[in-house]
PDB file of N, CA and C in Angstrom:
ATOM      1  N   MET A   1     -42.882  17.014 -13.806  1.00  0.00           N
ATOM      2  CA  MET A   1     -42.525  15.456 -13.722  1.00  0.00           C
ATOM      3  C   MET A   1     -41.279  15.628 -14.545  1.00  0.00           C
ATOM      4  N   LYS A   2     -41.416  15.840 -15.770  1.00  0.00           N
ATOM      5  CA  LYS A   2     -40.125  15.716 -16.778  1.00  0.00           C
ATOM      6  C   LYS A   2     -38.996  15.982 -16.140  1.00  0.00           C
ATOM      7  N   PHE A   3     -38.897  17.115 -15.550  1.00  0.00           N
ATOM      8  CA  PHE A   3     -38.068  17.745 -14.552  1.00  0.00           C
ATOM      9  C   PHE A   3     -37.197  16.967 -13.958  1.00  0.00           C
ATOM     10  N   ARG A   4     -37.865  16.236 -12.599  1.00  0.00           N
ATOM     11  CA  ARG A   4     -37.701  14.897 -11.956  1.00  0.00           C
ATOM     12  C   ARG A   4     -36.859  13.976 -12.426  1.00  0.00           C
ATOM     13  N   ARG A   5     -37.323  13.518 -14.135  1.00  0.00           N
ATOM     14  CA  ARG A   5     -36.575  12.322 -14.542  1.00  0.00           C
ATOM     15  C   ARG A   5     -35.600  13.106 -15.192  1.00  0.00           C
ATOM     16  N   VAL A   6     -35.164  13.962 -15.400  1.00  0.00           N
ATOM     17  CA  VAL A   6     -33.883  14.486 -16.192  1.00  0.00           C
ATOM     18  C   VAL A   6     -32.765  15.027 -14.954  1.00  0.00           C
ATOM     19  N   VAL A   7     -33.065  15.309 -13.635  1.00  0.00           N
ATOM     20  CA  VAL A   7     -32.057  15.218 -12.335  1.00  0.00           C
ATOM     21  C   VAL A   7     -32.035  13.658 -11.991  1.00  0.00           C
ATOM     22  N   VAL A   8     -32.884  12.955 -12.161  1.00  0.00           N
ATOM     23  CA  VAL A   8     -32.298  11.663 -11.300  1.00  0.00           C
ATOM     24  C   VAL A   8     -31.754  10.615 -12.067  1.00  0.00           C
ATOM     25  N   SER A   9     -32.231  11.555 -14.330  1.00  0.00           N
ATOM     26  CA  SER A   9     -31.477  10.585 -15.207  1.00  0.00           C
ATOM     27  C   SER A   9     -29.508  11.113 -14.847  1.00  0.00           C
ATOM     28  N   ALA A  10     -29.791  12.885 -14.107  1.00  0.00           N
ATOM     29  CA  ALA A  10     -28.296  12.940 -14.034  1.00  0.00           C
ATOM     30  C   ALA A  10     -27.839  12.939 -13.100  1.00  0.00           C
ATOM     31  N   LEU A  11     -28.362  11.872 -11.937  1.00  0.00           N
ATOM     32  CA  LEU A  11     -27.546  11.784 -10.796  1.00  0.00           C
ATOM     33  C   LEU A  11     -27.373  10.553 -11.132  1.00  0.00           C
ATOM     34  N   ALA A  12     -27.710   9.718 -11.318  1.00  0.00           N
ATOM     35  CA  ALA A  12     -27.538   8.188 -12.249  1.00  0.00           C
ATOM     36  C   ALA A  12     -26.250   7.964 -13.156  1.00  0.00           C
ATOM     37  N   PHE A  13     -26.468   9.505 -13.906  1.00  0.00           N
ATOM     38  CA  PHE A  13     -24.777   9.170 -14.577  1.00  0.00           C
ATOM     39  C   PHE A  13     -24.344   9.842 -13.446  1.00  0.00           C
ATOM     40  N   ALA A  14     -24.156  10.945 -12.755  1.00  0.00           N
ATOM     41  CA  ALA A  14     -22.913  11.537 -12.049  1.00  0.00           C
ATOM     42  C   ALA A  14     -22.305  10.143 -11.540  1.00  0.00           C
ATOM     43  N   LEU A  15     -23.347   9.578 -10.291  1.00  0.00           N
ATOM     44  CA  LEU A  15     -22.935   8.529  -9.902  1.00  0.00           C
ATOM     45  C   LEU A  15     -22.250   6.976 -10.524  1.00  0.00           C
ATOM     46  N   ALA A  16     -22.754   6.596 -11.206  1.00  0.00           N
ATOM     47  CA  ALA A  16     -21.555   5.646 -12.317  1.00  0.00           C
ATOM     48  C   ALA A  16     -20.750   6.185 -12.665  1.00  0.00           C
ATOM     49  N   ALA A  17     -20.874   7.331 -13.035  1.00  0.00           N
ATOM     50  CA  ALA A  17     -19.549   8.041 -13.698  1.00  0.00           C
ATOM     51  C   ALA A  17     -18.262   8.290 -12.612  1.00  0.00           C
ATOM     52  N   PHE A  18     -18.709   8.609 -11.093  1.00  0.00           N
ATOM     53  CA  PHE A  18     -17.693   8.691 -10.430  1.00  0.00           C
ATOM     54  C   PHE A  18     -17.758   6.994  -9.525  1.00  0.00           C
ATOM     55  N   LEU A  19     -18.604   5.614 -10.087  1.00  0.00           N
ATOM     56  CA  LEU A  19     -18.069   4.068  -9.525  1.00  0.00           C
ATOM     57  C   LEU A  19     -16.915   3.898 -10.754  1.00  0.00           C
ATOM     58  N   SER A  20     -17.090   4.012 -11.536  1.00  0.00           N
ATOM     59  CA  SER A  20     -16.387   4.224 -12.360  1.00  0.00           C
ATOM     60  C   SER A  20     -14.643   4.528 -12.700  1.00  0.00           C
ATOM     61  N   SER A  21     -14.925   5.595 -12.012  1.00  0.00           N
ATOM     62  CA  SER A  21     -13.720   6.254 -12.018  1.00  0.00           C
ATOM     63  C   SER A  21     -12.984   5.328 -10.541  1.00  0.00           C
ATOM     64  N   GLY A  22     -13.099   5.480  -9.823  1.00  0.00           N
ATOM     65  CA  GLY A  22     -13.104   5.106  -9.040  1.00  0.00           C
ATOM     66  C   GLY A  22     -12.160   3.726  -9.209  1.00  0.00           C
ATOM     67  N   LEU A  23     -13.071   2.618 -10.152  1.00  0.00           N
ATOM     68  CA  LEU A  23     -12.663   1.308 -10.069  1.00  0.00           C
ATOM     69  C   LEU A  23     -11.330   1.407 -11.273  1.00  0.00           C
ATOM     70  N   ALA A  24     -11.422   2.699 -12.064  1.00  0.00           N
ATOM     71  CA  ALA A  24     -11.197   2.373 -12.807  1.00  0.00           C
ATOM     72  C   ALA A  24      -9.044   2.888 -12.079  1.00  0.00           C
ATOM     73  N   ILE A  25      -9.361   3.902 -11.166  1.00  0.00           N
ATOM     74  CA  ILE A  25      -7.961   4.572 -10.214  1.00  0.00           C
ATOM     75  C   ILE A  25      -7.551   2.885  -9.851  1.00  0.00           C
ATOM     76  N   ALA A  26      -8.603   2.178  -8.378  1.00  0.00           N
ATOM     77  CA  ALA A  26      -7.976   0.785  -7.518  1.00  0.00           C
ATOM     78  C   ALA A  26      -6.876   0.134  -8.544  1.00  0.00           C
ATOM     79  N   ALA A  27      -7.670  -0.236  -9.740  1.00  0.00           N
ATOM     80  CA  ALA A  27      -7.056  -1.131 -10.757  1.00  0.00           C
ATOM     81  C   ALA A  27      -5.926  -0.344 -11.656  1.00  0.00           C
ATOM     82  N   GLY A  28      -5.730   0.864 -11.468  1.00  0.00           N
ATOM     83  CA  GLY A  28      -4.598   1.363 -11.984  1.00  0.00           C
ATOM     84  C   GLY A  28      -3.203   1.022 -11.234  1.00  0.00           C
ATOM     85  N   LYS A  29      -3.606   0.513 -10.385  1.00  0.00           N
ATOM     86  CA  LYS A  29      -2.323   0.227  -9.645  1.00  0.00           C
ATOM     87  C   LYS A  29      -1.880  -1.281  -9.638  1.00  0.00           C
ATOM     88  N   PRO A  30      -1.238  -1.896 -10.321  1.00  0.00           N
ATOM     89  CA  PRO A  30      -1.061  -3.909 -10.480  1.00  0.00           C
ATOM     90  C   PRO A  30      -0.072  -3.575  -9.065  1.00  0.00           C
ATOM     91  N   ALA A  31      -0.669  -5.159  -8.713  1.00  0.00           N
ATOM     92  CA  ALA A  31       0.740  -5.630  -7.635  1.00  0.00           C
ATOM     93  C   ALA A  31       1.674  -5.810  -8.270  1.00  0.00           C
ATOM     94  N   PRO A  32       2.717  -6.036  -7.405  1.00  0.00           N
ATOM     95  CA  PRO A  32       3.806  -6.065  -7.530  1.00  0.00           C
ATOM     96  C   PRO A  32       4.349  -7.365  -8.687  1.00  0.00           C
ATOM     97  N   THR A  33       4.677  -7.994  -9.001  1.00  0.00           N
ATOM     98  CA  THR A  33       5.154  -8.825  -9.730  1.00  0.00           C
ATOM     99  C   THR A  33       5.749 -10.094  -9.557  1.00  0.00           C
ATOM    100  N   GLY A  34       7.065 -10.073  -8.302  1.00  0.00           N
ATOM    101  CA  GLY A  34       7.489 -10.683  -7.835  1.00  0.00           C
ATOM    102  C   GLY A  34       7.159 -10.496  -6.296  1.00  0.00           C
ATOM    103  N   LYS A  35       7.892 -10.848  -5.603  1.00  0.00           N
ATOM    104  CA  LYS A  35       8.484 -10.611  -4.171  1.00  0.00           C
ATOM    105  C   LYS A  35       8.881  -9.303  -4.139  1.00  0.00           C
ATOM    106  N   VAL A  36       8.562  -7.887  -2.785  1.00  0.00           N
ATOM    107  CA  VAL A  36       9.119  -6.848  -3.003  1.00  0.00           C
ATOM    108  C   VAL A  36      10.138  -7.314  -1.134  1.00  0.00           C
ATOM    109  N   ASN A  37      11.318  -7.199  -1.599  1.00  0.00           N
ATOM    110  CA  ASN A  37      12.133  -7.327   0.401  1.00  0.00           C
ATOM    111  C   ASN A  37      11.874  -5.749   0.778  1.00  0.00           C
ATOM    112  N   ILE A  38      11.125  -6.540   1.851  1.00  0.00           N
ATOM    113  CA  ILE A  38      11.044  -4.968   2.780  1.00  0.00           C
ATOM    114  C   ILE A  38      12.079  -4.761   3.413  1.00  0.00           C
ATOM    115  N   ASN A  39      13.385  -5.065   3.381  1.00  0.00           N
ATOM    116  CA  ASN A  39      14.742  -4.354   3.932  1.00  0.00           C
ATOM    117  C   ASN A  39      15.337  -4.112   2.686  1.00  0.00           C
ATOM    118  N   THR A  40      15.111  -3.546   1.683  1.00  0.00           N
ATOM    119  CA  THR A  40      15.865  -3.434   1.181  1.00  0.00           C
ATOM    120  C   THR A  40      14.658  -2.495  -0.530  1.00  0.00           C
ATOM    121  N   ALA A  41      14.024  -2.753   0.284  1.00  0.00           N
ATOM    122  CA  ALA A  41      12.868  -1.774  -0.972  1.00  0.00           C
ATOM    123  C   ALA A  41      12.841   0.167  -0.773  1.00  0.00           C
ATOM    124  N   SER A  42      12.686   0.649  -1.942  1.00  0.00           N
ATOM    125  CA  SER A  42      13.071   1.953  -1.612  1.00  0.00           C
ATOM    126  C   SER A  42      11.277   1.840  -2.363  1.00  0.00           C
ATOM    127  N   VAL A  43      11.252   3.751  -1.570  1.00  0.00           N
ATOM    128  CA  VAL A  43       9.519   4.092  -1.184  1.00  0.00           C
ATOM    129  C   VAL A  43       9.065   3.317  -2.441  1.00  0.00           C
ATOM    130  N   GLU A  44       9.338   3.922  -3.636  1.00  0.00           N
ATOM    131  CA  GLU A  44       8.177   3.133  -4.429  1.00  0.00           C
ATOM    132  C   GLU A  44       8.722   2.090  -4.719  1.00  0.00           C
ATOM    133  N   GLN A  45       9.528   1.144  -4.722  1.00  0.00           N
ATOM    134  CA  GLN A  45       8.943  -0.094  -5.269  1.00  0.00           C
ATOM    135  C   GLN A  45       7.991  -0.514  -3.590  1.00  0.00           C
ATOM    136  N   LEU A  46       8.093   0.162  -2.421  1.00  0.00           N
ATOM    137  CA  LEU A  46       6.971  -0.053  -1.212  1.00  0.00           C
ATOM    138  C   LEU A  46       5.359  -0.019  -1.465  1.00  0.00           C
ATOM    139  N   ALA A  47       5.593   1.529  -2.628  1.00  0.00           N
ATOM    140  CA  ALA A  47       4.157   2.244  -2.834  1.00  0.00           C
ATOM    141  C   ALA A  47       3.608   1.097  -3.906  1.00  0.00           C
ATOM    142  N   THR A  48       4.166  -0.179  -4.629  1.00  0.00           N
ATOM    143  CA  THR A  48       3.348  -0.693  -5.540  1.00  0.00           C
ATOM    144  C   THR A  48       2.407  -1.786  -4.674  1.00  0.00           C
ATOM    145  N   LEU A  49       2.917  -2.011  -3.462  1.00  0.00           N
ATOM    146  CA  LEU A  49       1.805  -2.809  -3.106  1.00  0.00           C
ATOM    147  C   LEU A  49       0.780  -2.436  -2.414  1.00  0.00           C
ATOM    148  N   PRO A  50      -0.250  -3.467  -2.593  1.00  0.00           N
ATOM    149  CA  PRO A  50      -1.946  -3.146  -2.617  1.00  0.00           C
ATOM    150  C   PRO A  50      -2.096  -2.336  -0.656  1.00  0.00           C
ATOM    151  N   GLY A  51      -2.063  -0.864  -1.053  1.00  0.00           N
ATOM    152  CA  GLY A  51      -2.997  -0.536   0.313  1.00  0.00           C
ATOM    153  C   GLY A  51      -1.796   0.138   0.571  1.00  0.00           C
ATOM    154  N   VAL A  52      -0.404   0.442  -0.336  1.00  0.00           N
ATOM    155  CA  VAL A  52       0.510   0.991   0.716  1.00  0.00           C
ATOM    156  C   VAL A  52       1.066   2.458  -0.746  1.00  0.00           C
ATOM    157  N   GLY A  53       0.565   3.401  -0.057  1.00  0.00           N
ATOM    158  CA  GLY A  53       0.702   4.536  -0.907  1.00  0.00           C
ATOM    159  C   GLY A  53       1.688   4.914  -0.385  1.00  0.00           C
ATOM    160  N   PRO A  54       2.499   6.756  -1.036  1.00  0.00           N
ATOM    161  CA  PRO A  54       4.180   6.973  -0.630  1.00  0.00           C
ATOM    162  C   PRO A  54       4.119   7.194   1.186  1.00  0.00           C
ATOM    163  N   ALA A  55       3.113   7.701   1.470  1.00  0.00           N
ATOM    164  CA  ALA A  55       3.349   8.240   3.219  1.00  0.00           C
ATOM    165  C   ALA A  55       3.410   7.131   3.425  1.00  0.00           C
ATOM    166  N   LEU A  56       2.449   5.844   3.460  1.00  0.00           N
ATOM    167  CA  LEU A  56       2.741   5.030   4.458  1.00  0.00           C
ATOM    168  C   LEU A  56       4.538   3.901   3.736  1.00  0.00           C
ATOM    169  N   ALA A  57       4.319   3.792   2.570  1.00  0.00           N
ATOM    170  CA  ALA A  57       5.611   3.648   2.261  1.00  0.00           C
ATOM    171  C   ALA A  57       7.333   4.086   2.862  1.00  0.00           C
ATOM    172  N   ALA A  58       6.803   5.372   2.980  1.00  0.00           N
ATOM    173  CA  ALA A  58       7.959   6.177   4.168  1.00  0.00           C
ATOM    174  C   ALA A  58       8.418   6.206   5.263  1.00  0.00           C
ATOM    175  N   ARG A  59       6.811   5.837   5.766  1.00  0.00           N
ATOM    176  CA  ARG A  59       6.985   5.057   6.877  1.00  0.00           C
ATOM    177  C   ARG A  59       7.771   3.681   7.821  1.00  0.00           C
ATOM    178  N   ILE A  60       7.418   2.659   6.388  1.00  0.00           N
ATOM    179  CA  ILE A  60       7.658   1.836   6.312  1.00  0.00           C
ATOM    180  C   ILE A  60       9.225   1.915   6.439  1.00  0.00           C
ATOM    181  N   VAL A  61      10.036   3.294   6.034  1.00  0.00           N
ATOM    182  CA  VAL A  61      11.728   3.048   5.110  1.00  0.00           C
ATOM    183  C   VAL A  61      12.480   3.553   6.320  1.00  0.00           C
ATOM    184  N   GLU A  62      11.065   4.175   6.716  1.00  0.00           N
ATOM    185  CA  GLU A  62      11.872   5.554   8.636  1.00  0.00           C
ATOM    186  C   GLU A  62      11.073   4.205   9.817  1.00  0.00           C
ATOM    187  N   HIS A  63      11.153   3.102   9.704  1.00  0.00           N
ATOM    188  CA  HIS A  63      10.968   2.723  10.553  1.00  0.00           C
ATOM    189  C   HIS A  63      12.450   1.560  10.518  1.00  0.00           C
ATOM    190  N   ARG A  64      12.703   0.916   9.336  1.00  0.00           N
ATOM    191  CA  ARG A  64      13.488   0.355   9.437  1.00  0.00           C
ATOM    192  C   ARG A  64      15.230   0.923   8.437  1.00  0.00           C
ATOM    193  N   GLN A  65      14.860   2.164   9.108  1.00  0.00           N
ATOM    194  CA  GLN A  65      16.490   2.850   8.855  1.00  0.00           C
ATOM    195  C   GLN A  65      16.852   3.229  10.722  1.00  0.00           C
ATOM    196  N   LYS A  66      15.059   3.389  12.065  1.00  0.00           N
ATOM    197  CA  LYS A  66      15.635   3.349  12.826  1.00  0.00           C
ATOM    198  C   LYS A  66      15.232   2.052  13.653  1.00  0.00           C
ATOM    199  N   ALA A  67      15.054   0.914  13.958  1.00  0.00           N
ATOM    200  CA  ALA A  67      15.123  -0.126  14.281  1.00  0.00           C
ATOM    201  C   ALA A  67      15.474  -0.836  14.111  1.00  0.00           C
ATOM    202  N   GLY A  68      15.946  -0.928  12.367  1.00  0.00           N
ATOM    203  CA  GLY A  68      17.304  -2.186  11.697  1.00  0.00           C
ATOM    204  C   GLY A  68      16.033  -3.127  10.880  1.00  0.00           C
ATOM    205  N   SER A  69      17.005  -3.803  10.189  1.00  0.00           N
ATOM    206  CA  SER A  69      15.891  -4.515   9.277  1.00  0.00           C
ATOM    207  C   SER A  69      14.767  -5.705   9.748  1.00  0.00           C
ATOM    208  N   PHE A  70      13.855  -5.608   9.372  1.00  0.00           N
ATOM    209  CA  PHE A  70      12.269  -6.476   9.598  1.00  0.00           C
ATOM    210  C   PHE A  70      13.624  -7.790   9.530  1.00  0.00           C
ATOM    211  N   LYS A  71      13.114  -9.320  10.541  1.00  0.00           N
ATOM    212  CA  LYS A  71      13.359 -10.349  10.690  1.00  0.00           C
ATOM    213  C   LYS A  71      11.905 -11.409  10.164  1.00  0.00           C
ATOM    214  N   ALA A  72      11.198 -10.770  10.202  1.00  0.00           N
ATOM    215  CA  ALA A  72       9.875 -11.764   9.421  1.00  0.00           C
ATOM    216  C   ALA A  72       8.787 -10.850   8.673  1.00  0.00           C
ATOM    217  N   PRO A  73       8.506 -10.940   7.615  1.00  0.00           N
ATOM    218  CA  PRO A  73       6.718 -10.111   7.536  1.00  0.00           C
ATOM    219  C   PRO A  73       6.018  -9.456   8.117  1.00  0.00           C
ATOM    220  N   ALA A  74       5.995 -10.451   9.222  1.00  0.00           N
ATOM    221  CA  ALA A  74       4.674  -9.413  10.211  1.00  0.00           C
ATOM    222  C   ALA A  74       5.656  -8.787  10.985  1.00  0.00           C
ATOM    223  N   GLU A  75       6.675  -8.121  10.845  1.00  0.00           N
ATOM    224  CA  GLU A  75       7.193  -7.017  12.055  1.00  0.00           C
ATOM    225  C   GLU A  75       6.805  -6.327  11.147  1.00  0.00           C
ATOM    226  N   LEU A  76       5.798  -5.885  10.399  1.00  0.00           N
ATOM    227  CA  LEU A  76       5.820  -4.670   9.149  1.00  0.00           C
ATOM    228  C   LEU A  76       4.468  -4.625   9.947  1.00  0.00           C
ATOM    229  N   MET A  77       3.598  -4.835  10.667  1.00  0.00           N
ATOM    230  CA  MET A  77       2.548  -4.325  11.315  1.00  0.00           C
ATOM    231  C   MET A  77       3.275  -3.375  12.558  1.00  0.00           C
ATOM    232  N   ASN A  78       5.066  -3.919  13.167  1.00  0.00           N
ATOM    233  CA  ASN A  78       4.966  -2.702  13.853  1.00  0.00           C
ATOM    234  C   ASN A  78       4.795  -1.295  13.551  1.00  0.00           C
ATOM    235  N   VAL A  79       4.714  -0.985  12.443  1.00  0.00           N
ATOM    236  CA  VAL A  79       5.135   0.489  11.120  1.00  0.00           C
ATOM    237  C   VAL A  79       3.117   1.151  11.936  1.00  0.00           C
ATOM    238  N   LYS A  80       3.503   2.141  12.274  1.00  0.00           N
ATOM    239  CA  LYS A  80       1.574   2.632  11.878  1.00  0.00           C
ATOM    240  C   LYS A  80       0.943   2.364  11.132  1.00  0.00           C
ATOM    241  N   GLY A  81       0.001   2.352  10.879  1.00  0.00           N
ATOM    242  CA  GLY A  81      -1.167   2.030   9.701  1.00  0.00           C
ATOM    243  C   GLY A  81      -1.155   1.287   9.283  1.00  0.00           C
ATOM    244  N   ILE A  82      -0.202   0.138   9.517  1.00  0.00           N
ATOM    245  CA  ILE A  82       0.271  -1.331   8.911  1.00  0.00           C
ATOM    246  C   ILE A  82      -1.187  -2.538   9.982  1.00  0.00           C
ATOM    247  N   GLY A  83      -1.932  -2.627  10.013  1.00  0.00           N
ATOM    248  CA  GLY A  83      -2.702  -3.182  10.751  1.00  0.00           C
ATOM    249  C   GLY A  83      -2.373  -4.903  10.673  1.00  0.00           C
ATOM    250  N   GLU A  84      -3.630  -5.405  10.767  1.00  0.00           N
ATOM    251  CA  GLU A  84      -3.405  -6.962  10.681  1.00  0.00           C
ATOM    252  C   GLU A  84      -4.398  -7.511   9.258  1.00  0.00           C
ATOM    253  N   LYS A  85      -5.215  -6.567   9.443  1.00  0.00           N
ATOM    254  CA  LYS A  85      -5.563  -6.212   7.718  1.00  0.00           C
ATOM    255  C   LYS A  85      -5.427  -6.159   6.742  1.00  0.00           C
ATOM    256  N   ASN A  86      -4.694  -4.888   6.359  1.00  0.00           N
ATOM    257  CA  ASN A  86      -3.366  -4.813   5.207  1.00  0.00           C
ATOM    258  C   ASN A  86      -2.868  -5.120   5.461  1.00  0.00           C
ATOM    259  N   PHE A  87      -1.457  -6.212   6.635  1.00  0.00           N
ATOM    260  CA  PHE A  87      -0.609  -7.102   6.412  1.00  0.00           C
ATOM    261  C   PHE A  87      -1.243  -8.093   6.158  1.00  0.00           C
ATOM    262  N   ASN A  88      -2.600  -8.831   5.944  1.00  0.00           N
ATOM    263  CA  ASN A  88      -3.043  -9.556   5.275  1.00  0.00           C
ATOM    264  C   ASN A  88      -2.888  -9.247   3.796  1.00  0.00           C
ATOM    265  N   LYS A  89      -3.260  -8.221   2.806  1.00  0.00           N
ATOM    266  CA  LYS A  89      -3.866  -8.125   1.788  1.00  0.00           C
ATOM    267  C   LYS A  89      -2.048  -8.304   1.247  1.00  0.00           C
ATOM    268  N   ILE A  90      -0.804  -7.590   1.737  1.00  0.00           N
ATOM    269  CA  ILE A  90       0.111  -7.634   1.004  1.00  0.00           C
ATOM    270  C   ILE A  90       0.990  -8.741   1.874  1.00  0.00           C
ATOM    271  N   GLN A  91       0.568  -9.539   2.079  1.00  0.00           N
ATOM    272  CA  GLN A  91       1.384 -10.651   2.638  1.00  0.00           C
ATOM    273  C   GLN A  91       2.209 -11.021   1.943  1.00  0.00           C
ATOM    274  N   GLY A  92       1.362 -11.807   0.725  1.00  0.00           N
ATOM    275  CA  GLY A  92       1.652 -12.831  -0.142  1.00  0.00           C
ATOM    276  C   GLY A  92       2.968 -11.994  -0.716  1.00  0.00           C
ATOM    277  N   HIS A  93       3.401 -10.478  -0.530  1.00  0.00           N
ATOM    278  CA  HIS A  93       4.489  -9.672  -1.675  1.00  0.00           C
ATOM    279  C   HIS A  93       5.067  -9.801  -1.298  1.00  0.00           C
ATOM    280  N   LEU A  94       5.259 -10.299   0.030  1.00  0.00           N
ATOM    281  CA  LEU A  94       6.420 -10.004   0.978  1.00  0.00           C
ATOM    282  C   LEU A  94       7.571 -10.637   1.308  1.00  0.00           C
ATOM    283  N   THR A  95       8.633 -10.698   1.169  1.00  0.00           N
ATOM    284  CA  THR A  95       9.903 -10.850   2.002  1.00  0.00           C
ATOM    285  C   THR A  95      10.908 -10.292   2.506  1.00  0.00           C
ATOM    286  N   VAL A  96      11.539 -11.249   3.888  1.00  0.00           N
ATOM    287  CA  VAL A  96      12.528 -10.381   3.858  1.00  0.00           C
ATOM    288  C   VAL A  96      14.184 -10.552   3.579  1.00  0.00           C
ATOM    289  N   GLY A  97      13.703 -11.325   2.917  1.00  0.00           N
ATOM    290  CA  GLY A  97      15.623 -11.747   1.702  1.00  0.00           C
ATOM    291  C   GLY A  97      15.879 -12.609   3.004  1.00  0.00           C
ATOM    292  N   ASP A  98      17.667 -12.411   2.703  1.00  0.00           N
ATOM    293  CA  ASP A  98      18.430 -13.402   3.365  1.00  0.00           C
ATOM    294  C   ASP A  98      19.683 -11.628   3.306  1.00  0.00           C
ATOM    295  N   GLY A  99      20.255 -12.086   4.592  1.00  0.00           N
ATOM    296  CA  GLY A  99      20.817 -11.291   5.450  1.00  0.00           C
ATOM    297  C   GLY A  99      20.931 -10.369   6.175  1.00  0.00           C
ATOM    298  N   ALA A 100      19.568 -10.491   7.009  1.00  0.00           N
ATOM    299  CA  ALA A 100      19.016  -9.054   7.222  1.00  0.00           C
ATOM    300  C   ALA A 100      20.199  -8.453   8.625  1.00  0.00           C
ATOM    301  N   THR A 101      20.198  -7.702   8.441  1.00  0.00           N
ATOM    302  CA  THR A 101      21.323  -6.639   9.847  1.00  0.00           C
ATOM    303  C   THR A 101      20.265  -5.271  10.072  1.00  0.00           C
ATOM    304  N   ARG A 102      21.119  -5.411  11.540  1.00  0.00           N
ATOM    305  CA  ARG A 102      21.288  -4.164  12.561  1.00  0.00           C
ATOM    306  C   ARG A 102      21.708  -2.686  11.853  1.00  0.00           C
ATOM    307  N   PRO A 103      21.145  -1.597  12.205  1.00  0.00           N
ATOM    308  CA  PRO A 103      21.803  -1.108  12.032  1.00  0.00           C
ATOM    309  C   PRO A 103      23.099  -0.357  12.573  1.00  0.00           C
ATOM    310  N   ALA A 104      24.322  -0.605  11.923  1.00  0.00           N
ATOM    311  CA  ALA A 104      25.688  -0.130  12.620  1.00  0.00           C
ATOM    312  C   ALA A 104      24.919   1.054  14.158  1.00  0.00           C
ATOM    313  N   ALA A 105      25.829   0.646  14.921  1.00  0.00           N
ATOM    314  CA  ALA A 105      25.451   1.927  16.206  1.00  0.00           C
ATOM    315  C   ALA A 105      26.868   2.663  15.571  1.00  0.00           C
ATOM    316  N   SER A 106      25.848   4.028  16.791  1.00  0.00           N
ATOM    317  CA  SER A 106      26.626   5.330  16.398  1.00  0.00           C
ATOM    318  C   SER A 106      28.028   5.923  16.657  1.00  0.00           C
ATOM    319  N   ARG A 107      28.932   6.199  16.125  1.00  0.00           N
ATOM    320  CA  ARG A 107      29.710   6.296  16.646  1.00  0.00           C
ATOM    321  C   ARG A 107      30.474   7.531  17.374  1.00  0.00           C
TER     322      ARG A 107
END
């Protein structure tokens, strides 16, 4: 009986430690203080957006290089990995800025 109590207590402690570390990790990424211009932002700047890590940020930059500048933030949903749910989380942090341009044609 005493062994069972020790095991249950150890499991409860481990679960509490795991959950609190997950919250600390999630809280460790502050949201950007201003708007992020998705037409000029670097991978590092895009990775500051909630739910956007380095791999997704790299896909955004790659999409921008291939397809040209975004005309509206909603076009970000054309990037693999950004669906409506993820877009809704970051929409308030986005801007396309002025002067959206298409890439120059190959010569």
